[in-house]
Amino acid sequence: MRVMAQMGMVMNLDKCIGCHTCSVTCKQAWTNRSGVEYVWFNNVETRPGQGYPRGYEDQEKWKGGWKLDRKGRLRLKGGSRLHKLSTIFSNPRLPGIEDYYEPWTYDYDVLINAPAGDDFPVARPKSLITDKDMKVTWSANWDDDLGGAPEHGHKDPIVKKLGDKVKFEFEQAFMFYLPRICEHCLNPSCVASCPSGAIYKREEDGIVLVDQDSCRGWRMCVSGCPYKKIYFNHKTGKAEKCTMCYPRLEAGQPTVCSETCVGRLRYLGLFLYDADRVAEAATVEDEHQLMAAQKSLLLDPRDPEVLAAARRDGIPEDWLEAAGNSPVYDLACKYNVALPLHPEYRTMPMVWYIPPLSPVVDALTETGHDGEDIGNLFGAIDAMRIPIEYLAELFTAGDVEPVNDVLQKLAAMRAHMRTKNLGEPADPEIAAAAGMTIDDLEAMYHLLAIAKYEDRYVIPTAHSEVANALLEEMPGCSVDFDSTNSDNPVGENQPVPVTIESFNLTKQRLEAQDYKDLDYKQ
């Protein structure tokens, strides 16, 4: 057993209201410069919908992720490195700008400087690529409330797979929100797809990054990533991706998307996992067993044997303490309510989701029934407007049973807390029906419903010796600011490396008394 640490995230989809605050703050923080106008490291998709880029889940088309060969060995769906080298100048599996969207701005100068007249001036949309007038027909979040499931929903790759189980008549329509970032996988296919070796997985926390000096812009990583969370900057000629806000994490701060989330639906913490068994878990033949195989890699951070092995492998004590208090481990492994996104891609994703139950409660209430009653809730899960098969295709490779188990636990939690809040005696049968105890239900409620800041984000700070090592081994990252040097042959400034000074400044800001006394921190 070789113990390694992995920073992970869990999102509670019951709390997502689709406000896109996470997307906007991430955009402003990391992708607000030239060449990445179309890039969204974080985006919120309305489901059912095509996602971003359009139809990214259709791996028959894009060939992302891994597959097993005849001998049961992992192979890239897009072909071996030799095959990729043979098509390096013509990649047929690469999404085009039409699969993303043509970024635009508006000609605001017309509104300001238009002469007086009878007609009201109009700010026309102008392409940021061609600088010509354009008609806006698509964007990163087009499948939103006003995008219209009846118009676009049938193009959802999961809907195509389920056929008649998903209908778009008004009385049968449903929707929920799915925020997405890079999965920072345990077995990342983007890393294996890169011909120049520019993409790497950090040893200390598992975050996947792109070395901008080594990147040659071949874009094989874009094809190899089944989640399509790597983007190409056409100005710098480099690949860019979500960095999980690693400068903030190193200082003990949560990611920007987590910090600014209105619904407080994101949880950050450490997983400990057995690095020697990743390949074994990724090669499980039955896709329905992939999620269980991935969970089997995750080690109990409170187990003395695991702690001893972690110390042997050089994991610091404060990191072990953080892993022991990790909310993501509890949600994924202790309570078993968090599920990975598309485990059938065999990348072992480390951003997990708690499937939504709220539509069941709302539907019951609208029909005049008690939406919190355990009998009604359990009975309605099978008949919920969101077909349970749809959720299963997202989170469990089509296996309905684990999703049903999660929804029953969430339903039992709601029913038990309703009973408690009404002052009625606790019914142990409610918890037993979901395979839990009353203490488990109440602990899960405190974590999912009313968790404080320090309970949602348990992030150990980086050690100075680790930061120095990072400085030496990482010449530049895709989100570094531009220097004043403009000698780049493609016309853009070269990034300046993240320095140990910026790490210390961030840490000092975190430790400042003014920051600790902010209201939202409480």
Protein backbone atom coordinates (compact mmCIF):
# COMPACT_ATOMS: atom_id res chain seq x y z
CA MET A 1 0.00 0.00 0.00
CA ARG A 2 1.37 3.39 -1.06
CA VAL A 3 -0.63 6.20 0.53
CA MET A 4 -1.05 9.47 -1.34
CA ALA A 5 -3.22 12.54 -0.73
CA GLN A 6 -5.77 13.89 -3.19
CA MET A 7 -7.70 17.14 -2.90
CA GLY A 8 -11.34 16.43 -3.69
CA MET A 9 -14.63 18.28 -3.97
CA VAL A 10 -18.25 17.29 -3.35
CA MET A 11 -21.22 19.27 -4.68
CA ASN A 12 -24.73 18.96 -3.25
CA LEU A 13 -26.99 19.36 -6.28
CA ASP A 14 -30.05 19.90 -4.07
CA LYS A 15 -28.66 23.33 -3.21
CA CYS A 16 -27.67 24.56 -6.68
CA ILE A 17 -30.03 27.31 -7.88
CA GLY A 18 -28.26 27.91 -11.19
CA CYS A 19 -27.21 31.47 -10.38
CA HIS A 20 -23.83 30.99 -12.13
CA THR A 21 -22.02 33.02 -9.47
CA CYS A 22 -19.32 30.34 -9.40
CA SER A 23 -18.89 30.56 -13.17
CA VAL A 24 -18.65 34.34 -13.20
CA THR A 25 -16.20 34.63 -10.31
CA CYS A 26 -14.01 31.88 -11.80
CA LYS A 27 -14.14 33.64 -15.15
CA GLN A 28 -13.08 36.94 -13.63
CA ALA A 29 -10.32 35.36 -11.57
CA TRP A 30 -8.72 32.99 -14.09
CA THR A 31 -9.93 33.40 -17.69
CA ASN A 32 -10.44 37.11 -18.27
CA ARG A 33 -7.53 37.64 -20.67
CA SER A 34 -7.11 37.54 -24.43
CA GLY A 35 -7.44 34.17 -26.15
CA VAL A 36 -9.70 32.52 -23.57
CA GLU A 37 -12.92 34.44 -24.08
CA TYR A 38 -14.79 31.19 -24.75
CA VAL A 39 -13.16 29.33 -21.84
CA TRP A 40 -15.11 28.45 -18.69
CA PHE A 41 -13.08 26.49 -16.15
CA ASN A 42 -16.33 26.35 -14.15
CA ASN A 43 -19.69 26.21 -15.85
CA VAL A 44 -23.19 25.31 -14.66
CA GLU A 45 -25.18 23.09 -16.99
CA THR A 46 -28.95 22.74 -16.99
CA ARG A 47 -30.00 19.10 -17.27
CA PRO A 48 -31.27 17.69 -19.50
CA GLY A 49 -29.12 19.55 -21.96
CA GLN A 50 -26.17 19.21 -24.29
CA GLY A 51 -23.56 20.53 -21.87
CA TYR A 52 -20.45 22.50 -22.73
CA PRO A 53 -19.04 21.95 -25.28
CA ARG A 54 -22.10 20.59 -27.03
CA GLY A 55 -22.52 16.85 -26.61
CA TYR A 56 -19.22 16.35 -24.76
CA GLU A 57 -20.56 13.12 -23.23
CA ASP A 58 -20.80 11.41 -26.63
CA GLN A 59 -17.58 9.40 -26.47
CA GLU A 60 -18.45 7.53 -29.65
CA LYS A 61 -17.83 10.85 -31.35
CA TRP A 62 -15.03 12.35 -29.24
CA LYS A 63 -13.22 9.18 -28.09
CA GLY A 64 -12.28 10.62 -24.70
CA GLY A 65 -11.26 8.63 -21.63
CA TRP A 66 -10.13 5.01 -21.40
CA LYS A 67 -11.30 1.62 -22.64
CA LEU A 68 -10.23 -1.97 -22.03
CA ASP A 69 -8.55 -3.93 -24.80
CA ARG A 70 -9.13 -7.65 -25.40
CA LYS A 71 -6.64 -8.52 -22.69
CA GLY A 72 -8.33 -6.27 -20.14
CA ARG A 73 -5.63 -3.60 -20.25
CA LEU A 74 -6.30 0.15 -20.21
CA ARG A 75 -6.04 1.87 -23.58
CA LEU A 76 -6.92 5.41 -24.58
CA LYS A 77 -10.15 5.51 -26.57
CA GLY A 78 -8.55 8.00 -28.93
CA GLY A 79 -5.70 5.64 -29.76
CA SER A 80 -2.12 5.11 -28.61
CA ARG A 81 0.54 7.82 -28.54
CA LEU A 82 1.89 6.49 -31.82
CA HIS A 83 -1.54 6.89 -33.37
CA LYS A 84 -1.81 10.39 -31.95
CA LEU A 85 1.57 11.30 -33.40
CA SER A 86 0.39 10.13 -36.81
CA THR A 87 -2.58 12.54 -36.62
CA ILE A 88 -0.86 15.31 -34.73
CA PHE A 89 -1.37 17.88 -37.50
CA SER A 90 -4.97 16.87 -38.22
CA ASN A 91 -7.02 15.90 -35.18
CA PRO A 92 -10.51 14.77 -36.23
CA ARG A 93 -11.69 14.39 -32.61
CA LEU A 94 -11.23 18.05 -31.67
CA PRO A 95 -14.27 20.21 -30.83
CA GLY A 96 -14.55 23.29 -33.02
CA ILE A 97 -15.60 26.79 -32.06
CA GLU A 98 -19.15 25.92 -33.09
CA ASP A 99 -19.20 23.19 -30.41
CA TYR A 100 -18.23 25.82 -27.84
CA TYR A 101 -19.49 29.19 -29.06
CA GLU A 102 -18.12 32.20 -30.88
CA PRO A 103 -17.34 34.72 -28.13
CA TRP A 104 -18.77 38.19 -28.58
CA THR A 105 -19.04 41.65 -27.11
CA TYR A 106 -21.32 44.57 -27.89
CA ASP A 107 -20.61 47.76 -29.78
CA TYR A 108 -21.27 50.01 -26.81
CA ASP A 109 -19.65 52.97 -28.56
CA VAL A 110 -22.79 53.28 -30.70
CA LEU A 111 -24.90 53.88 -27.58
CA ILE A 112 -22.56 56.57 -26.29
CA ASN A 113 -21.73 58.47 -29.48
CA ALA A 114 -24.79 57.97 -31.69
CA PRO A 115 -26.16 61.33 -32.94
CA ALA A 116 -29.62 62.43 -31.91
CA GLY A 117 -32.34 61.01 -34.11
CA ASP A 118 -35.74 59.35 -34.24
CA ASP A 119 -34.34 55.81 -33.95
CA PHE A 120 -33.03 54.34 -30.71
CA PRO A 121 -29.39 53.20 -31.13
CA VAL A 122 -28.70 49.47 -30.74
CA ALA A 123 -25.48 47.86 -29.49
CA ARG A 124 -25.00 45.02 -31.94
CA PRO A 125 -23.11 41.88 -30.89
CA LYS A 126 -19.64 41.73 -32.44
CA SER A 127 -17.47 38.65 -32.69
CA LEU A 128 -14.30 38.73 -30.60
CA ILE A 129 -12.67 36.52 -33.23
CA THR A 130 -13.57 38.23 -36.52
CA ASP A 131 -14.63 41.65 -35.11
CA LYS A 132 -17.69 41.49 -37.37
CA ASP A 133 -21.39 41.74 -36.53
CA MET A 134 -22.83 38.35 -35.62
CA LYS A 135 -26.02 36.66 -34.50
CA VAL A 136 -25.77 35.03 -31.07
CA THR A 137 -27.02 31.43 -31.32
CA TRP A 138 -25.11 29.52 -28.63
CA SER A 139 -23.08 30.00 -25.46
CA ALA A 140 -21.66 28.10 -22.47
CA ASN A 141 -24.96 28.09 -20.57
CA TRP A 142 -27.46 28.11 -23.41
CA ASP A 143 -29.34 25.07 -22.06
CA ASP A 144 -30.55 27.24 -19.20
CA ASP A 145 -34.07 28.00 -18.02
CA LEU A 146 -34.80 30.08 -21.11
CA GLY A 147 -32.84 27.80 -23.44
CA GLY A 148 -35.73 25.38 -23.54
CA ALA A 149 -35.57 21.63 -23.03
CA PRO A 150 -38.23 21.00 -25.72
CA GLU A 151 -35.96 22.61 -28.31
CA HIS A 152 -32.56 21.26 -27.26
CA GLY A 153 -33.20 18.50 -24.73
CA HIS A 154 -33.47 15.66 -27.24
CA LYS A 155 -29.85 16.37 -28.27
CA ASP A 156 -28.61 15.43 -24.78
CA PRO A 157 -26.43 12.28 -25.23
CA ILE A 158 -27.99 10.69 -22.13
CA VAL A 159 -31.52 11.39 -23.37
CA LYS A 160 -30.63 9.73 -26.67
CA LYS A 161 -29.47 6.66 -24.75
CA LEU A 162 -32.58 6.46 -22.56
CA GLY A 163 -35.08 6.97 -25.36
CA ASP A 164 -38.70 7.11 -24.22
CA LYS A 165 -37.85 7.29 -20.50
CA VAL A 166 -37.33 11.07 -20.83
CA LYS A 167 -40.20 13.16 -22.18
CA PHE A 168 -40.40 16.90 -22.72
CA GLU A 169 -44.14 17.50 -22.50
CA PHE A 170 -44.81 20.30 -20.01
CA GLU A 171 -46.44 18.11 -17.38
CA GLN A 172 -43.52 15.64 -17.52
CA ALA A 173 -40.67 18.15 -17.86
CA PHE A 174 -37.88 18.29 -15.29
CA MET A 175 -34.59 20.07 -14.82
CA PHE A 176 -31.71 20.41 -12.39
CA TYR A 177 -28.34 22.12 -12.40
CA LEU A 178 -24.96 20.45 -12.73
CA PRO A 179 -21.90 22.62 -11.92
CA ARG A 180 -18.72 21.29 -13.53
CA ILE A 181 -14.99 21.86 -13.10
CA CYS A 182 -11.96 19.74 -14.00
CA GLU A 183 -12.26 16.38 -12.24
CA HIS A 184 -8.55 16.19 -11.28
CA CYS A 185 -8.79 12.45 -11.86
CA LEU A 186 -6.73 9.74 -10.21
CA ASN A 187 -6.19 8.19 -13.65
CA PRO A 188 -6.28 11.24 -15.97
CA SER A 189 -6.50 10.43 -19.67
CA CYS A 190 -5.42 13.98 -20.55
CA VAL A 191 -2.01 13.32 -18.98
CA ALA A 192 -1.59 10.12 -20.99
CA SER A 193 -2.73 11.83 -24.20
CA CYS A 194 -0.21 14.69 -24.15
CA PRO A 195 2.63 13.98 -26.66
CA SER A 196 4.95 16.54 -25.04
CA GLY A 197 4.31 15.49 -21.42
CA ALA A 198 3.22 19.00 -20.46
CA ILE A 199 0.29 17.88 -18.30
CA TYR A 200 1.14 16.40 -14.94
CA LYS A 201 -0.51 15.43 -11.67
CA ARG A 202 1.00 17.02 -8.56
CA GLU A 203 2.36 14.42 -6.19
CA GLU A 204 1.45 16.21 -2.97
CA ASP A 205 -2.26 16.91 -3.57
CA GLY A 206 -3.22 15.30 -6.91
CA ILE A 207 -4.10 18.55 -8.70
CA VAL A 208 -3.63 18.24 -12.50
CA LEU A 209 -1.82 21.17 -14.13
CA VAL A 210 -0.36 22.20 -17.49
CA ASP A 211 3.31 23.20 -17.73
CA GLN A 212 3.12 26.17 -20.08
CA ASP A 213 6.79 25.95 -21.06
CA SER A 214 6.46 22.32 -22.16
CA CYS A 215 3.07 22.66 -23.88
CA ARG A 216 3.35 22.69 -27.67
CA GLY A 217 -0.34 23.23 -28.41
CA TRP A 218 -0.98 19.83 -30.00
CA ARG A 219 -4.43 19.73 -28.30
CA MET A 220 -4.44 15.96 -27.92
CA CYS A 221 -5.28 16.58 -24.25
CA VAL A 222 -8.53 18.25 -25.34
CA SER A 223 -9.51 15.14 -27.26
CA GLY A 224 -8.33 12.79 -24.51
CA CYS A 225 -10.31 14.46 -21.72
CA PRO A 226 -13.81 12.91 -21.72
CA TYR A 227 -15.18 15.88 -19.74
CA LYS A 228 -13.71 18.39 -22.23
CA LYS A 229 -12.35 20.54 -19.42
CA ILE A 230 -9.09 21.46 -21.17
CA TYR A 231 -9.16 24.44 -23.50
CA PHE A 232 -6.85 25.88 -26.14
CA ASN A 233 -5.69 29.49 -25.97
CA HIS A 234 -5.42 30.48 -29.62
CA LYS A 235 -3.39 33.58 -28.69
CA THR A 236 -0.61 31.86 -26.75
CA GLY A 237 -0.85 28.51 -28.52
CA LYS A 238 -1.09 26.70 -25.17
CA ALA A 239 -3.59 24.42 -23.43
CA GLU A 240 -5.24 25.73 -20.26
CA LYS A 241 -7.46 24.17 -17.61
CA CYS A 242 -8.91 24.52 -14.13
CA THR A 243 -6.14 24.53 -11.52
CA MET A 244 -8.47 24.04 -8.53
CA CYS A 245 -7.19 27.47 -7.43
CA TYR A 246 -4.01 25.82 -6.13
CA PRO A 247 -2.42 29.10 -4.90
CA ARG A 248 -5.44 29.55 -2.64
CA LEU A 249 -5.45 25.94 -1.47
CA GLU A 250 -1.77 26.15 -0.58
CA ALA A 251 -2.66 28.99 1.78
CA GLY A 252 -5.62 27.10 3.26
CA GLN A 253 -8.28 29.02 1.35
CA PRO A 254 -11.10 27.37 -0.65
CA THR A 255 -11.38 27.68 -4.41
CA VAL A 256 -13.00 30.83 -5.80
CA CYS A 257 -16.05 28.88 -6.99
CA SER A 258 -16.50 27.39 -3.49
CA GLU A 259 -15.92 30.67 -1.64
CA THR A 260 -18.50 32.57 -3.69
CA CYS A 261 -21.15 29.84 -4.01
CA VAL A 262 -24.50 31.30 -2.98
CA GLY A 263 -26.00 27.93 -2.05
CA ARG A 264 -22.94 26.78 -0.05
CA LEU A 265 -23.16 23.51 -1.92
CA ARG A 266 -19.44 22.81 -2.33
CA TYR A 267 -17.24 20.89 0.09
CA LEU A 268 -13.45 20.65 -0.08
CA GLY A 269 -11.17 18.23 1.70
CA LEU A 270 -8.49 15.57 1.42
CA PHE A 271 -8.83 11.96 0.39
CA LEU A 272 -6.15 9.42 1.22
CA TYR A 273 -5.89 6.67 -1.39
CA ASP A 274 -3.82 3.62 -2.26
CA ALA A 275 -1.81 4.67 -5.33
CA ASP A 276 -0.70 1.09 -6.00
CA ARG A 277 -4.27 -0.02 -6.79
CA VAL A 278 -5.42 2.74 -9.15
CA ALA A 279 -4.75 0.71 -12.30
CA GLU A 280 -6.42 -2.34 -10.78
CA ALA A 281 -9.57 -0.35 -9.95
CA ALA A 282 -9.67 1.33 -13.36
CA THR A 283 -9.55 -2.02 -15.18
CA VAL A 284 -12.59 -3.59 -13.51
CA GLU A 285 -14.49 -5.12 -16.42
CA ASP A 286 -18.06 -4.49 -15.22
CA GLU A 287 -18.78 -0.76 -15.57
CA HIS A 288 -21.36 -0.98 -12.79
CA GLN A 289 -18.57 -1.96 -10.40
CA LEU A 290 -16.24 0.92 -11.29
CA MET A 291 -17.66 3.27 -8.66
CA ALA A 292 -17.28 0.65 -5.93
CA ALA A 293 -13.74 -0.08 -7.14
CA GLN A 294 -12.89 3.61 -6.98
CA LYS A 295 -14.29 3.90 -3.45
CA SER A 296 -12.23 0.89 -2.42
CA LEU A 297 -9.10 2.93 -3.21
CA LEU A 298 -10.08 5.60 -0.70
CA LEU A 299 -8.56 4.86 2.68
CA ASP A 300 -10.10 5.52 6.08
CA PRO A 301 -8.11 8.49 7.45
CA ARG A 302 -9.01 7.42 11.00
CA ASP A 303 -7.58 3.91 10.64
CA PRO A 304 -4.31 3.57 12.65
CA GLU A 305 -2.78 1.30 9.98
CA VAL A 306 -3.56 3.83 7.25
CA LEU A 307 -2.08 6.65 9.34
CA ALA A 308 1.08 4.66 9.97
CA ALA A 309 1.48 3.95 6.24
CA ALA A 310 0.81 7.62 5.42
CA ARG A 311 3.50 8.75 7.85
CA ARG A 312 5.88 6.23 6.30
CA ASP A 313 5.14 7.72 2.86
CA GLY A 314 5.90 11.25 4.03
CA ILE A 315 2.45 12.82 4.43
CA PRO A 316 2.70 15.60 7.08
CA GLU A 317 0.82 15.32 10.38
CA ASP A 318 -1.38 18.37 9.77
CA TRP A 319 -2.45 16.86 6.44
CA LEU A 320 -3.39 13.63 8.20
CA GLU A 321 -5.41 15.62 10.72
CA ALA A 322 -7.17 17.43 7.86
CA ALA A 323 -7.90 14.12 6.13
CA GLY A 324 -9.43 12.82 9.37
CA ASN A 325 -11.81 15.80 9.44
CA SER A 326 -12.48 15.76 5.69
CA PRO A 327 -16.14 16.39 4.75
CA VAL A 328 -15.59 14.90 1.29
CA TYR A 329 -14.50 11.55 2.71
CA ASP A 330 -17.51 11.44 5.03
CA LEU A 331 -19.96 12.24 2.22
CA ALA A 332 -18.41 9.83 -0.28
CA CYS A 333 -17.44 6.92 1.96
CA LYS A 334 -18.96 7.19 5.44
CA TYR A 335 -22.51 8.19 4.47
CA ASN A 336 -22.17 7.03 0.83
CA VAL A 337 -24.27 9.83 -0.64
CA ALA A 338 -21.69 11.36 -3.03
CA LEU A 339 -21.17 9.82 -6.46
CA PRO A 340 -18.49 10.39 -9.17
CA LEU A 341 -19.37 11.83 -12.57
CA HIS A 342 -19.28 9.22 -15.35
CA PRO A 343 -17.15 6.51 -13.74
CA GLU A 344 -17.42 4.53 -16.98
CA TYR A 345 -14.75 6.83 -18.47
CA ARG A 346 -12.30 5.01 -16.15
CA THR A 347 -10.44 8.21 -15.25
CA MET A 348 -11.37 7.92 -11.53
CA PRO A 349 -12.81 11.47 -11.19
CA MET A 350 -12.34 13.21 -7.84
CA VAL A 351 -15.16 15.76 -8.03
CA TRP A 352 -18.23 14.05 -6.58
CA TYR A 353 -21.96 14.88 -6.61
CA ILE A 354 -24.91 14.32 -4.31
CA PRO A 355 -27.88 13.72 -6.66
CA PRO A 356 -30.90 16.02 -6.28
CA LEU A 357 -33.97 15.00 -4.25
CA SER A 358 -35.74 18.37 -4.17
CA PRO A 359 -37.90 17.79 -7.28
CA VAL A 360 -39.51 14.82 -5.49
CA VAL A 361 -40.48 16.95 -2.49
CA ASP A 362 -41.78 19.78 -4.68
CA ALA A 363 -43.84 17.42 -6.83
CA LEU A 364 -45.47 15.83 -3.77
CA THR A 365 -46.28 19.19 -2.22
CA GLU A 366 -47.87 20.47 -5.44
CA THR A 367 -50.26 17.49 -5.47
CA GLY A 368 -51.43 18.21 -1.93
CA HIS A 369 -49.40 15.50 -0.21
CA ASP A 370 -47.00 15.89 2.68
CA GLY A 371 -43.67 16.29 0.88
CA GLU A 372 -41.61 15.42 3.96
CA ASP A 373 -43.49 12.27 5.01
CA ILE A 374 -41.22 9.23 4.78
CA GLY A 375 -43.91 7.01 3.27
CA ASN A 376 -44.67 9.52 0.55
CA LEU A 377 -40.99 10.23 -0.14
CA PHE A 378 -39.92 6.61 -0.48
CA GLY A 379 -42.87 5.86 -2.73
CA ALA A 380 -42.26 8.90 -4.92
CA ILE A 381 -38.59 8.21 -5.62
CA ASP A 382 -39.52 5.54 -8.16
CA ALA A 383 -41.98 7.90 -9.82
CA MET A 384 -39.94 11.11 -9.60
CA ARG A 385 -40.02 13.49 -12.54
CA ILE A 386 -36.29 13.13 -12.99
CA PRO A 387 -36.03 9.53 -14.22
CA ILE A 388 -33.72 7.74 -11.84
CA GLU A 389 -32.16 6.15 -14.93
CA TYR A 390 -31.02 9.62 -16.03
CA LEU A 391 -29.18 10.20 -12.76
CA ALA A 392 -27.71 6.70 -12.98
CA GLU A 393 -26.29 7.41 -16.44
CA LEU A 394 -24.59 10.49 -14.99
CA PHE A 395 -23.16 9.08 -11.79
CA THR A 396 -23.10 5.28 -11.74
CA ALA A 397 -22.60 4.13 -15.35
CA GLY A 398 -26.31 3.31 -15.59
CA ASP A 399 -26.63 1.31 -12.34
CA VAL A 400 -29.88 2.45 -10.73
CA GLU A 401 -29.45 0.82 -7.31
CA PRO A 402 -26.71 3.12 -5.85
CA VAL A 403 -28.65 6.22 -6.90
CA ASN A 404 -31.81 4.84 -5.33
CA ASP A 405 -29.90 4.15 -2.10
CA VAL A 406 -28.61 7.74 -1.99
CA LEU A 407 -32.06 9.23 -2.59
CA GLN A 408 -33.53 7.05 0.15
CA LYS A 409 -30.91 8.27 2.61
CA LEU A 410 -31.65 11.89 1.70
CA ALA A 411 -35.37 11.22 2.03
CA ALA A 412 -34.88 9.57 5.43
CA MET A 413 -32.82 12.56 6.59
CA ARG A 414 -35.58 14.98 5.60
CA ALA A 415 -38.30 12.90 7.24
CA HIS A 416 -36.35 12.42 10.47
CA MET A 417 -35.51 16.11 10.82
CA ARG A 418 -39.14 17.01 10.14
CA THR A 419 -40.21 14.71 12.96
CA LYS A 420 -37.59 16.21 15.28
CA ASN A 421 -38.46 19.82 14.43
CA LEU A 422 -42.16 19.13 15.14
CA GLY A 423 -41.23 17.88 18.58
CA GLU A 424 -42.39 14.35 17.88
CA PRO A 425 -40.49 11.30 19.20
CA ALA A 426 -37.77 10.00 16.88
CA ASP A 427 -38.73 6.96 14.83
CA PRO A 428 -35.72 4.62 14.46
CA GLU A 429 -37.50 2.82 11.62
CA ILE A 430 -37.00 5.87 9.39
CA ALA A 431 -33.22 5.59 9.67
CA ALA A 432 -33.29 1.79 9.48
CA ALA A 433 -35.27 1.93 6.23
CA ALA A 434 -32.31 3.74 4.66
CA GLY A 435 -29.71 1.51 6.30
CA MET A 436 -28.56 4.22 8.71
CA THR A 437 -28.81 5.16 12.38
CA ILE A 438 -30.44 8.25 13.89
CA ASP A 439 -27.00 9.61 14.82
CA ASP A 440 -25.85 9.17 11.21
CA LEU A 441 -28.90 11.01 9.86
CA GLU A 442 -28.40 13.94 12.21
CA ALA A 443 -24.65 14.12 11.53
CA MET A 444 -25.32 14.05 7.79
CA TYR A 445 -27.95 16.77 8.20
CA HIS A 446 -25.51 19.03 10.05
CA LEU A 447 -22.99 18.55 7.25
CA LEU A 448 -25.38 18.99 4.33
CA ALA A 449 -27.77 21.62 5.70
CA ILE A 450 -26.10 23.86 8.26
CA ALA A 451 -22.36 23.18 8.10
CA LYS A 452 -20.16 26.11 9.04
CA TYR A 453 -17.38 27.46 6.89
CA GLU A 454 -14.65 25.49 8.66
CA ASP A 455 -16.68 22.28 8.36
CA ARG A 456 -17.27 22.65 4.62
CA TYR A 457 -13.65 23.50 3.80
CA VAL A 458 -10.97 21.47 5.57
CA ILE A 459 -7.83 22.47 3.67
CA PRO A 460 -4.30 21.95 5.00
CA THR A 461 -1.78 24.63 4.09
CA ALA A 462 1.27 23.82 1.99
CA HIS A 463 4.60 23.41 3.76
CA SER A 464 7.41 25.80 2.91
CA GLU A 465 9.64 22.97 1.72
CA VAL A 466 6.86 21.84 -0.62
CA ALA A 467 6.38 25.36 -1.94
CA ASN A 468 10.09 25.67 -2.70
CA ALA A 469 9.99 22.35 -4.56
CA LEU A 470 7.00 23.55 -6.55
CA LEU A 471 8.83 26.71 -7.52
CA GLU A 472 11.77 24.71 -8.83
CA GLU A 473 9.77 22.16 -10.79
CA MET A 474 6.99 24.33 -12.21
CA PRO A 475 8.23 27.02 -14.59
CA GLY A 476 4.82 28.44 -15.37
CA CYS A 477 1.10 27.82 -15.09
CA SER A 478 -1.73 28.74 -17.42
CA VAL A 479 -3.23 31.22 -14.98
CA ASP A 480 -0.09 33.21 -14.22
CA PHE A 481 -0.30 36.92 -14.96
CA ASP A 482 1.40 38.40 -18.01
CA SER A 483 4.73 40.16 -17.82
CA THR A 484 5.64 43.32 -19.66
CA ASN A 485 7.78 41.29 -22.04
CA SER A 486 6.07 41.01 -25.45
CA ASP A 487 8.71 39.07 -27.39
CA ASN A 488 6.44 36.05 -27.88
CA PRO A 489 6.30 35.24 -31.63
CA VAL A 490 2.52 34.75 -31.49
CA GLY A 491 2.08 38.25 -30.13
CA GLU A 492 1.19 37.51 -26.53
CA ASN A 493 3.11 38.02 -23.31
CA GLN A 494 4.82 35.08 -21.65
CA PRO A 495 3.56 34.05 -18.21
CA VAL A 496 5.62 34.81 -15.13
CA PRO A 497 6.04 31.83 -12.78
CA VAL A 498 4.09 31.63 -9.55
CA THR A 499 6.63 32.46 -6.85
CA ILE A 500 7.15 31.61 -3.22
CA GLU A 501 6.50 35.29 -2.50
CA SER A 502 2.94 35.11 -3.86
CA PHE A 503 2.29 32.04 -1.71
CA ASN A 504 3.45 33.87 1.41
CA LEU A 505 1.43 36.96 0.58
CA THR A 506 -1.71 34.87 0.17
CA LYS A 507 -1.04 33.06 3.43
CA GLN A 508 -0.48 36.35 5.26
CA ARG A 509 -3.78 37.68 3.95
CA LEU A 510 -5.53 34.55 5.15
CA GLU A 511 -4.02 34.86 8.63
CA ALA A 512 -4.75 38.58 8.94
CA GLN A 513 -7.15 39.42 11.74
CA ASP A 514 -9.36 41.48 9.44
CA TYR A 515 -9.93 38.46 7.19
CA LYS A 516 -10.76 36.14 10.08
CA ASP A 517 -13.33 38.61 11.40
CA LEU A 518 -15.32 38.85 8.17
CA ASP A 519 -19.01 38.04 8.68
CA TYR A 520 -19.22 35.40 5.96
CA LYS A 521 -16.34 33.52 7.56
CA GLN A 522 -18.45 32.76 10.63
